[in-house]
Amino acid sequence: MRVETACQALREKRRLEIRYDGYTRVVEVHACGTTSDGNAVMRVWQVRGGSESGERTGWKLLRLDETRSLELLEETSEAPRRGYAKNDKAIAHIRCQM
């Protein structure tokens, strides 16, 4: 279900609000799929919110099984962001991408 929501956000050019590592974050999905270990992940540009690393904006690779909630926002995604590269090597099996 989370993969479908992430891919819907990408297709509809909408931002997602998520809870991850105890922080609320607003992200723009650029790619979604699974790692070689079988973990569902999404490559995102974080627009705002908290982060364990203290980096409030920038590129993140987030595991979907560690995401506590995903909500499609009525905010338009500005993806693709500078630095995005298709066929992300961290995602072994890509389900959707820009």
PDB file of N, CA and C in Angstrom:
ATOM      1  N   MET A   1       0.830  -1.208   0.000  1.00  0.00           N
ATOM      2  CA  MET A   1       0.000   0.000   0.000  1.00  0.00           C
ATOM      3  C   MET A   1       0.871   1.268   0.000  1.00  0.00           C
ATOM      4  N   ARG A   2       1.952   1.274   0.770  1.00  0.00           N
ATOM      5  CA  ARG A   2       2.795   2.461   0.845  1.00  0.00           C
ATOM      6  C   ARG A   2       3.489   2.736  -0.484  1.00  0.00           C
ATOM      7  N   VAL A   3       3.897   1.662  -1.171  1.00  0.00           N
ATOM      8  CA  VAL A   3       4.542   1.834  -2.484  1.00  0.00           C
ATOM      9  C   VAL A   3       3.555   2.477  -3.449  1.00  0.00           C
ATOM     10  N   GLU A   4       2.305   2.027  -3.413  1.00  0.00           N
ATOM     11  CA  GLU A   4       1.289   2.585  -4.309  1.00  0.00           C
ATOM     12  C   GLU A   4       1.051   4.063  -4.033  1.00  0.00           C
ATOM     13  N   THR A   5       1.020   4.430  -2.746  1.00  0.00           N
ATOM     14  CA  THR A   5       0.816   5.838  -2.380  1.00  0.00           C
ATOM     15  C   THR A   5       1.991   6.686  -2.848  1.00  0.00           C
ATOM     16  N   ALA A   6       3.215   6.190  -2.674  1.00  0.00           N
ATOM     17  CA  ALA A   6       4.401   6.923  -3.122  1.00  0.00           C
ATOM     18  C   ALA A   6       4.383   7.094  -4.644  1.00  0.00           C
ATOM     19  N   CYS A   7       4.032   6.035  -5.369  1.00  0.00           N
ATOM     20  CA  CYS A   7       3.970   6.126  -6.834  1.00  0.00           C
ATOM     21  C   CYS A   7       2.835   7.039  -7.290  1.00  0.00           C
ATOM     22  N   GLN A   8       1.726   7.048  -6.560  1.00  0.00           N
ATOM     23  CA  GLN A   8       0.627   7.961  -6.877  1.00  0.00           C
ATOM     24  C   GLN A   8       1.084   9.412  -6.722  1.00  0.00           C
ATOM     25  N   ALA A   9       1.817   9.711  -5.663  1.00  0.00           N
ATOM     26  CA  ALA A   9       2.333  11.063  -5.453  1.00  0.00           C
ATOM     27  C   ALA A   9       3.228  11.467  -6.616  1.00  0.00           C
ATOM     28  N   LEU A  10       4.070  10.558  -7.064  1.00  0.00           N
ATOM     29  CA  LEU A  10       4.972  10.839  -8.182  1.00  0.00           C
ATOM     30  C   LEU A  10       4.167  11.112  -9.455  1.00  0.00           C
ATOM     31  N   ARG A  11       3.220  10.211  -9.774  1.00  0.00           N
ATOM     32  CA  ARG A  11       2.399  10.353 -10.989  1.00  0.00           C
ATOM     33  C   ARG A  11       1.595  11.647 -10.998  1.00  0.00           C
ATOM     34  N   GLU A  12       1.045  11.999  -9.831  1.00  0.00           N
ATOM     35  CA  GLU A  12       0.163  13.167  -9.743  1.00  0.00           C
ATOM     36  C   GLU A  12       0.909  14.454  -9.415  1.00  0.00           C
ATOM     37  N   LYS A  13       2.254  14.366  -9.314  1.00  0.00           N
ATOM     38  CA  LYS A  13       3.097  15.525  -9.025  1.00  0.00           C
ATOM     39  C   LYS A  13       2.650  16.232  -7.750  1.00  0.00           C
ATOM     40  N   ARG A  14       2.442  15.413  -6.695  1.00  0.00           N
ATOM     41  CA  ARG A  14       2.021  15.937  -5.395  1.00  0.00           C
ATOM     42  C   ARG A  14       3.067  15.602  -4.349  1.00  0.00           C
ATOM     43  N   ARG A  15       3.130  16.413  -3.339  1.00  0.00           N
ATOM     44  CA  ARG A  15       4.021  16.158  -2.211  1.00  0.00           C
ATOM     45  C   ARG A  15       3.355  15.199  -1.234  1.00  0.00           C
ATOM     46  N   LEU A  16       4.208  14.505  -0.464  1.00  0.00           N
ATOM     47  CA  LEU A  16       3.756  13.597   0.586  1.00  0.00           C
ATOM     48  C   LEU A  16       4.180  14.136   1.943  1.00  0.00           C
ATOM     49  N   GLU A  17       3.305  14.003   2.924  1.00  0.00           N
ATOM     50  CA  GLU A  17       3.696  14.252   4.301  1.00  0.00           C
ATOM     51  C   GLU A  17       3.831  12.892   4.959  1.00  0.00           C
ATOM     52  N   ILE A  18       4.980  12.653   5.593  1.00  0.00           N
ATOM     53  CA  ILE A  18       5.243  11.363   6.208  1.00  0.00           C
ATOM     54  C   ILE A  18       5.725  11.541   7.641  1.00  0.00           C
ATOM     55  N   ARG A  19       5.618  10.470   8.437  1.00  0.00           N
ATOM     56  CA  ARG A  19       6.241  10.390   9.761  1.00  0.00           C
ATOM     57  C   ARG A  19       7.354   9.371   9.627  1.00  0.00           C
ATOM     58  N   TYR A  20       8.579   9.797   9.939  1.00  0.00           N
ATOM     59  CA  TYR A  20       9.748   8.936   9.760  1.00  0.00           C
ATOM     60  C   TYR A  20      10.760   9.283  10.833  1.00  0.00           C
ATOM     61  N   ASP A  21      11.266   8.276  11.534  1.00  0.00           N
ATOM     62  CA  ASP A  21      12.227   8.485  12.629  1.00  0.00           C
ATOM     63  C   ASP A  21      11.722   9.485  13.661  1.00  0.00           C
ATOM     64  N   GLY A  22      10.408   9.518  13.871  1.00  0.00           N
ATOM     65  CA  GLY A  22       9.844  10.413  14.872  1.00  0.00           C
ATOM     66  C   GLY A  22       9.640  11.839  14.407  1.00  0.00           C
ATOM     67  N   TYR A  23       9.906  12.114  13.137  1.00  0.00           N
ATOM     68  CA  TYR A  23       9.764  13.472  12.597  1.00  0.00           C
ATOM     69  C   TYR A  23       8.692  13.504  11.517  1.00  0.00           C
ATOM     70  N   THR A  24       8.010  14.636  11.421  1.00  0.00           N
ATOM     71  CA  THR A  24       7.124  14.879  10.290  1.00  0.00           C
ATOM     72  C   THR A  24       7.974  15.504   9.194  1.00  0.00           C
ATOM     73  N   ARG A  25       7.826  14.983   7.983  1.00  0.00           N
ATOM     74  CA  ARG A  25       8.600  15.477   6.842  1.00  0.00           C
ATOM     75  C   ARG A  25       7.675  15.658   5.640  1.00  0.00           C
ATOM     76  N   VAL A  26       7.978  16.621   4.811  1.00  0.00           N
ATOM     77  CA  VAL A  26       7.284  16.782   3.538  1.00  0.00           C
ATOM     78  C   VAL A  26       8.313  16.487   2.452  1.00  0.00           C
ATOM     79  N   VAL A  27       7.948  15.543   1.564  1.00  0.00           N
ATOM     80  CA  VAL A  27       8.894  15.063   0.563  1.00  0.00           C
ATOM     81  C   VAL A  27       8.282  15.050  -0.830  1.00  0.00           C
ATOM     82  N   GLU A  28       9.173  15.043  -1.820  1.00  0.00           N
ATOM     83  CA  GLU A  28       8.796  14.880  -3.224  1.00  0.00           C
ATOM     84  C   GLU A  28       9.428  13.575  -3.712  1.00  0.00           C
ATOM     85  N   VAL A  29       8.596  12.630  -4.129  1.00  0.00           N
ATOM     86  CA  VAL A  29       9.062  11.315  -4.566  1.00  0.00           C
ATOM     87  C   VAL A  29       9.653  11.423  -5.967  1.00  0.00           C
ATOM     88  N   HIS A  30      10.847  10.844  -6.138  1.00  0.00           N
ATOM     89  CA  HIS A  30      11.508  10.792  -7.446  1.00  0.00           C
ATOM     90  C   HIS A  30      11.599   9.379  -7.992  1.00  0.00           C
ATOM     91  N   ALA A  31      11.685   8.386  -7.089  1.00  0.00           N
ATOM     92  CA  ALA A  31      11.729   6.976  -7.487  1.00  0.00           C
ATOM     93  C   ALA A  31      11.294   6.124  -6.306  1.00  0.00           C
ATOM     94  N   CYS A  32      10.762   4.946  -6.618  1.00  0.00           N
ATOM     95  CA  CYS A  32      10.279   4.044  -5.598  1.00  0.00           C
ATOM     96  C   CYS A  32      10.456   2.612  -6.078  1.00  0.00           C
ATOM     97  N   GLY A  33      10.835   1.722  -5.178  1.00  0.00           N
ATOM     98  CA  GLY A  33      11.006   0.319  -5.538  1.00  0.00           C
ATOM     99  C   GLY A  33      11.567  -0.461  -4.373  1.00  0.00           C
ATOM    100  N   THR A  34      12.356  -1.509  -4.673  1.00  0.00           N
ATOM    101  CA  THR A  34      12.934  -2.332  -3.625  1.00  0.00           C
ATOM    102  C   THR A  34      14.444  -2.437  -3.794  1.00  0.00           C
ATOM    103  N   THR A  35      15.111  -2.607  -2.660  1.00  0.00           N
ATOM    104  CA  THR A  35      16.561  -2.806  -2.671  1.00  0.00           C
ATOM    105  C   THR A  35      16.855  -4.267  -3.005  1.00  0.00           C
ATOM    106  N   SER A  36      18.127  -4.587  -3.184  1.00  0.00           N
ATOM    107  CA  SER A  36      18.510  -5.976  -3.441  1.00  0.00           C
ATOM    108  C   SER A  36      18.194  -6.865  -2.245  1.00  0.00           C
ATOM    109  N   ASP A  37      18.037  -6.285  -1.051  1.00  0.00           N
ATOM    110  CA  ASP A  37      17.655  -7.029   0.153  1.00  0.00           C
ATOM    111  C   ASP A  37      16.141  -7.183   0.286  1.00  0.00           C
ATOM    112  N   GLY A  38      15.385  -6.606  -0.649  1.00  0.00           N
ATOM    113  CA  GLY A  38      13.930  -6.716  -0.622  1.00  0.00           C
ATOM    114  C   GLY A  38      13.216  -5.659   0.183  1.00  0.00           C
ATOM    115  N   ASN A  39      13.917  -4.613   0.614  1.00  0.00           N
ATOM    116  CA  ASN A  39      13.284  -3.528   1.359  1.00  0.00           C
ATOM    117  C   ASN A  39      12.658  -2.511   0.406  1.00  0.00           C
ATOM    118  N   ALA A  40      11.402  -2.171   0.650  1.00  0.00           N
ATOM    119  CA  ALA A  40      10.734  -1.138  -0.145  1.00  0.00           C
ATOM    120  C   ALA A  40      11.295   0.219   0.269  1.00  0.00           C
ATOM    121  N   VAL A  41      11.731   1.006  -0.725  1.00  0.00           N
ATOM    122  CA  VAL A  41      12.340   2.312  -0.462  1.00  0.00           C
ATOM    123  C   VAL A  41      11.825   3.341  -1.449  1.00  0.00           C
ATOM    124  N   MET A  42      12.038   4.615  -1.098  1.00  0.00           N
ATOM    125  CA  MET A  42      11.745   5.696  -2.034  1.00  0.00           C
ATOM    126  C   MET A  42      12.868   6.722  -1.963  1.00  0.00           C
ATOM    127  N   ARG A  43      13.269   7.209  -3.117  1.00  0.00           N
ATOM    128  CA  ARG A  43      14.249   8.298  -3.208  1.00  0.00           C
ATOM    129  C   ARG A  43      13.445   9.570  -3.257  1.00  0.00           C
ATOM    130  N   VAL A  44      13.699  10.446  -2.306  1.00  0.00           N
ATOM    131  CA  VAL A  44      12.898  11.669  -2.192  1.00  0.00           C
ATOM    132  C   VAL A  44      13.802  12.883  -2.031  1.00  0.00           C
ATOM    133  N   TRP A  45      13.221  14.030  -2.338  1.00  0.00           N
ATOM    134  CA  TRP A  45      13.797  15.314  -1.974  1.00  0.00           C
ATOM    135  C   TRP A  45      12.960  15.798  -0.804  1.00  0.00           C
ATOM    136  N   GLN A  46      13.593  15.973   0.357  1.00  0.00           N
ATOM    137  CA  GLN A  46      12.870  16.483   1.509  1.00  0.00           C
ATOM    138  C   GLN A  46      12.778  17.992   1.410  1.00  0.00           C
ATOM    139  N   VAL A  47      11.547  18.490   1.430  1.00  0.00           N
ATOM    140  CA  VAL A  47      11.266  19.917   1.286  1.00  0.00           C
ATOM    141  C   VAL A  47      11.345  20.630   2.634  1.00  0.00           C
ATOM    142  N   ARG A  48      10.801  19.975   3.662  1.00  0.00           N
ATOM    143  CA  ARG A  48      10.817  20.563   5.004  1.00  0.00           C
ATOM    144  C   ARG A  48      10.516  19.476   6.024  1.00  0.00           C
ATOM    145  N   GLY A  49      10.811  19.814   7.273  1.00  0.00           N
ATOM    146  CA  GLY A  49      10.543  18.890   8.365  1.00  0.00           C
ATOM    147  C   GLY A  49      11.811  18.520   9.093  1.00  0.00           C
ATOM    148  N   GLY A  50      11.688  17.598  10.016  1.00  0.00           N
ATOM    149  CA  GLY A  50      12.813  17.181  10.827  1.00  0.00           C
ATOM    150  C   GLY A  50      13.584  16.032  10.223  1.00  0.00           C
ATOM    151  N   SER A  51      14.727  15.727  10.855  1.00  0.00           N
ATOM    152  CA  SER A  51      15.579  14.647  10.384  1.00  0.00           C
ATOM    153  C   SER A  51      16.569  14.290  11.482  1.00  0.00           C
ATOM    154  N   GLU A  52      16.875  13.003  11.639  1.00  0.00           N
ATOM    155  CA  GLU A  52      17.874  12.570  12.622  1.00  0.00           C
ATOM    156  C   GLU A  52      19.219  13.217  12.341  1.00  0.00           C
ATOM    157  N   SER A  53      19.554  13.375  11.057  1.00  0.00           N
ATOM    158  CA  SER A  53      20.855  13.943  10.675  1.00  0.00           C
ATOM    159  C   SER A  53      20.909  15.453  10.881  1.00  0.00           C
ATOM    160  N   GLY A  54      19.734  16.075  11.069  1.00  0.00           N
ATOM    161  CA  GLY A  54      19.684  17.524  11.195  1.00  0.00           C
ATOM    162  C   GLY A  54      19.543  18.220   9.850  1.00  0.00           C
ATOM    163  N   GLU A  55      19.612  17.473   8.759  1.00  0.00           N
ATOM    164  CA  GLU A  55      19.436  18.045   7.416  1.00  0.00           C
ATOM    165  C   GLU A  55      17.945  18.122   7.121  1.00  0.00           C
ATOM    166  N   ARG A  56      17.416  19.333   7.129  1.00  0.00           N
ATOM    167  CA  ARG A  56      15.977  19.530   6.951  1.00  0.00           C
ATOM    168  C   ARG A  56      15.538  19.460   5.495  1.00  0.00           C
ATOM    169  N   THR A  57      16.445  19.677   4.578  1.00  0.00           N
ATOM    170  CA  THR A  57      16.126  19.570   3.150  1.00  0.00           C
ATOM    171  C   THR A  57      17.221  18.752   2.471  1.00  0.00           C
ATOM    172  N   GLY A  58      16.878  18.208   1.320  1.00  0.00           N
ATOM    173  CA  GLY A  58      17.876  17.481   0.540  1.00  0.00           C
ATOM    174  C   GLY A  58      17.448  16.063   0.215  1.00  0.00           C
ATOM    175  N   TRP A  59      18.362  15.356  -0.436  1.00  0.00           N
ATOM    176  CA  TRP A  59      18.121  13.997  -0.904  1.00  0.00           C
ATOM    177  C   TRP A  59      18.114  13.009   0.256  1.00  0.00           C
ATOM    178  N   LYS A  60      17.140  12.108   0.218  1.00  0.00           N
ATOM    179  CA  LYS A  60      17.020  11.049   1.224  1.00  0.00           C
ATOM    180  C   LYS A  60      16.588   9.758   0.521  1.00  0.00           C
ATOM    181  N   LEU A  61      17.071   8.633   1.044  1.00  0.00           N
ATOM    182  CA  LEU A  61      16.575   7.318   0.652  1.00  0.00           C
ATOM    183  C   LEU A  61      15.885   6.767   1.894  1.00  0.00           C
ATOM    184  N   LEU A  62      14.567   6.627   1.831  1.00  0.00           N
ATOM    185  CA  LEU A  62      13.779   6.253   3.004  1.00  0.00           C
ATOM    186  C   LEU A  62      13.138   4.882   2.815  1.00  0.00           C
ATOM    187  N   ARG A  63      13.232   4.068   3.854  1.00  0.00           N
ATOM    188  CA  ARG A  63      12.580   2.754   3.825  1.00  0.00           C
ATOM    189  C   ARG A  63      11.098   2.929   4.123  1.00  0.00           C
ATOM    190  N   LEU A  64      10.274   2.366   3.268  1.00  0.00           N
ATOM    191  CA  LEU A  64       8.831   2.520   3.436  1.00  0.00           C
ATOM    192  C   LEU A  64       8.303   1.748   4.640  1.00  0.00           C
ATOM    193  N   ASP A  65       8.962   0.651   5.047  1.00  0.00           N
ATOM    194  CA  ASP A  65       8.490  -0.080   6.216  1.00  0.00           C
ATOM    195  C   ASP A  65       8.771   0.673   7.510  1.00  0.00           C
ATOM    196  N   GLU A  66       9.611   1.691   7.456  1.00  0.00           N
ATOM    197  CA  GLU A  66       9.892   2.514   8.629  1.00  0.00           C
ATOM    198  C   GLU A  66       9.082   3.810   8.629  1.00  0.00           C
ATOM    199  N   THR A  67       8.266   3.992   7.621  1.00  0.00           N
ATOM    200  CA  THR A  67       7.403   5.160   7.506  1.00  0.00           C
ATOM    201  C   THR A  67       6.111   4.895   8.266  1.00  0.00           C
ATOM    202  N   ARG A  68       5.785   5.749   9.194  1.00  0.00           N
ATOM    203  CA  ARG A  68       4.604   5.541  10.040  1.00  0.00           C
ATOM    204  C   ARG A  68       3.305   6.016   9.395  1.00  0.00           C
ATOM    205  N   SER A  69       3.359   6.975   8.528  1.00  0.00           N
ATOM    206  CA  SER A  69       2.155   7.434   7.831  1.00  0.00           C
ATOM    207  C   SER A  69       2.574   8.133   6.542  1.00  0.00           C
ATOM    208  N   LEU A  70       1.703   8.059   5.563  1.00  0.00           N
ATOM    209  CA  LEU A  70       1.903   8.765   4.297  1.00  0.00           C
ATOM    210  C   LEU A  70       0.596   9.456   3.954  1.00  0.00           C
ATOM    211  N   GLU A  71       0.660  10.753   3.707  1.00  0.00           N
ATOM    212  CA  GLU A  71      -0.539  11.506   3.339  1.00  0.00           C
ATOM    213  C   GLU A  71      -0.240  12.348   2.115  1.00  0.00           C
ATOM    214  N   LEU A  72      -1.037  12.155   1.066  1.00  0.00           N
ATOM    215  CA  LEU A  72      -0.906  12.981  -0.134  1.00  0.00           C
ATOM    216  C   LEU A  72      -1.363  14.390   0.194  1.00  0.00           C
ATOM    217  N   LEU A  73      -0.549  15.370  -0.149  1.00  0.00           N
ATOM    218  CA  LEU A  73      -0.888  16.766   0.089  1.00  0.00           C
ATOM    219  C   LEU A  73      -1.410  17.413  -1.187  1.00  0.00           C
ATOM    220  N   GLU A  74      -2.066  18.519  -1.012  1.00  0.00           N
ATOM    221  CA  GLU A  74      -2.536  19.291  -2.163  1.00  0.00           C
ATOM    222  C   GLU A  74      -1.457  20.265  -2.629  1.00  0.00           C
ATOM    223  N   GLU A  75      -0.219  20.012  -2.272  1.00  0.00           N
ATOM    224  CA  GLU A  75       0.915  20.834  -2.694  1.00  0.00           C
ATOM    225  C   GLU A  75       1.553  20.196  -3.922  1.00  0.00           C
ATOM    226  N   THR A  76       1.892  21.016  -4.899  1.00  0.00           N
ATOM    227  CA  THR A  76       2.505  20.520  -6.122  1.00  0.00           C
ATOM    228  C   THR A  76       3.987  20.237  -5.915  1.00  0.00           C
ATOM    229  N   SER A  77       4.404  19.067  -6.359  1.00  0.00           N
ATOM    230  CA  SER A  77       5.818  18.687  -6.300  1.00  0.00           C
ATOM    231  C   SER A  77       6.596  19.474  -7.349  1.00  0.00           C
ATOM    232  N   GLU A  78       7.795  19.872  -7.008  1.00  0.00           N
ATOM    233  CA  GLU A  78       8.665  20.569  -7.965  1.00  0.00           C
ATOM    234  C   GLU A  78       9.680  19.607  -8.596  1.00  0.00           C
ATOM    235  N   ALA A  79       9.435  18.314  -8.441  1.00  0.00           N
ATOM    236  CA  ALA A  79      10.320  17.301  -9.024  1.00  0.00           C
ATOM    237  C   ALA A  79      10.245  17.356 -10.549  1.00  0.00           C
ATOM    238  N   PRO A  80      11.359  17.073 -11.205  1.00  0.00           N
ATOM    239  CA  PRO A  80      12.620  16.577 -10.668  1.00  0.00           C
ATOM    240  C   PRO A  80      13.505  17.720 -10.152  1.00  0.00           C
ATOM    241  N   ARG A  81      14.123  17.449  -9.021  1.00  0.00           N
ATOM    242  CA  ARG A  81      15.048  18.401  -8.403  1.00  0.00           C
ATOM    243  C   ARG A  81      16.443  18.240  -8.992  1.00  0.00           C
ATOM    244  N   ARG A  82      17.225  19.288  -8.861  1.00  0.00           N
ATOM    245  CA  ARG A  82      18.602  19.271  -9.351  1.00  0.00           C
ATOM    246  C   ARG A  82      19.374  18.116  -8.689  1.00  0.00           C
ATOM    247  N   GLY A  83      20.086  17.370  -9.487  1.00  0.00           N
ATOM    248  CA  GLY A  83      20.874  16.255  -8.984  1.00  0.00           C
ATOM    249  C   GLY A  83      20.189  14.907  -9.111  1.00  0.00           C
ATOM    250  N   TYR A  84      18.942  14.900  -9.572  1.00  0.00           N
ATOM    251  CA  TYR A  84      18.241  13.624  -9.742  1.00  0.00           C
ATOM    252  C   TYR A  84      18.820  12.857 -10.920  1.00  0.00           C
ATOM    253  N   ALA A  85      19.072  11.582 -10.719  1.00  0.00           N
ATOM    254  CA  ALA A  85      19.553  10.705 -11.788  1.00  0.00           C
ATOM    255  C   ALA A  85      18.620   9.508 -11.894  1.00  0.00           C
ATOM    256  N   LYS A  86      18.117   9.258 -13.099  1.00  0.00           N
ATOM    257  CA  LYS A  86      17.247   8.109 -13.336  1.00  0.00           C
ATOM    258  C   LYS A  86      17.984   6.813 -13.052  1.00  0.00           C
ATOM    259  N   ASN A  87      17.222   5.745 -12.790  1.00  0.00           N
ATOM    260  CA  ASN A  87      17.769   4.406 -12.543  1.00  0.00           C
ATOM    261  C   ASN A  87      18.708   4.391 -11.348  1.00  0.00           C
ATOM    262  N   ASP A  88      18.215   4.905 -10.233  1.00  0.00           N
ATOM    263  CA  ASP A  88      18.952   4.986  -8.970  1.00  0.00           C
ATOM    264  C   ASP A  88      19.568   3.627  -8.630  1.00  0.00           C
ATOM    265  N   LYS A  89      20.862   3.579  -8.449  1.00  0.00           N
ATOM    266  CA  LYS A  89      21.559   2.324  -8.176  1.00  0.00           C
ATOM    267  C   LYS A  89      21.236   1.732  -6.804  1.00  0.00           C
ATOM    268  N   ALA A  90      20.729   2.548  -5.891  1.00  0.00           N
ATOM    269  CA  ALA A  90      20.340   2.051  -4.570  1.00  0.00           C
ATOM    270  C   ALA A  90      19.021   1.276  -4.624  1.00  0.00           C
ATOM    271  N   ILE A  91      18.284   1.420  -5.725  1.00  0.00           N
ATOM    272  CA  ILE A  91      16.991   0.743  -5.889  1.00  0.00           C
ATOM    273  C   ILE A  91      17.166  -0.331  -6.962  1.00  0.00           C
ATOM    274  N   ALA A  92      17.238  -1.585  -6.525  1.00  0.00           N
ATOM    275  CA  ALA A  92      17.503  -2.698  -7.441  1.00  0.00           C
ATOM    276  C   ALA A  92      16.340  -2.936  -8.407  1.00  0.00           C
ATOM    277  N   HIS A  93      15.120  -2.840  -7.896  1.00  0.00           N
ATOM    278  CA  HIS A  93      13.924  -3.074  -8.714  1.00  0.00           C
ATOM    279  C   HIS A  93      13.037  -1.835  -8.621  1.00  0.00           C
ATOM    280  N   ILE A  94      13.053  -1.025  -9.659  1.00  0.00           N
ATOM    281  CA  ILE A  94      12.310   0.236  -9.648  1.00  0.00           C
ATOM    282  C   ILE A  94      10.860  -0.014 -10.044  1.00  0.00           C
ATOM    283  N   ARG A  95       9.961   0.475  -9.208  1.00  0.00           N
ATOM    284  CA  ARG A  95       8.524   0.341  -9.464  1.00  0.00           C
ATOM    285  C   ARG A  95       8.002   1.554 -10.220  1.00  0.00           C
ATOM    286  N   CYS A  96       8.474   2.757  -9.841  1.00  0.00           N
ATOM    287  CA  CYS A  96       8.102   3.979 -10.540  1.00  0.00           C
ATOM    288  C   CYS A  96       9.231   4.982 -10.368  1.00  0.00           C
ATOM    289  N   GLN A  97       9.392   5.877 -11.338  1.00  0.00           N
ATOM    290  CA  GLN A  97      10.412   6.916 -11.260  1.00  0.00           C
ATOM    291  C   GLN A  97      10.046   8.056 -12.185  1.00  0.00           C
ATOM    292  N   MET A  98      10.712   9.192 -11.985  1.00  0.00           N
ATOM    293  CA  MET A  98      10.497  10.375 -12.827  1.00  0.00           C
ATOM    294  C   MET A  98      10.886  10.035 -14.249  1.00  0.00           C
TER     295      MET A  98
END
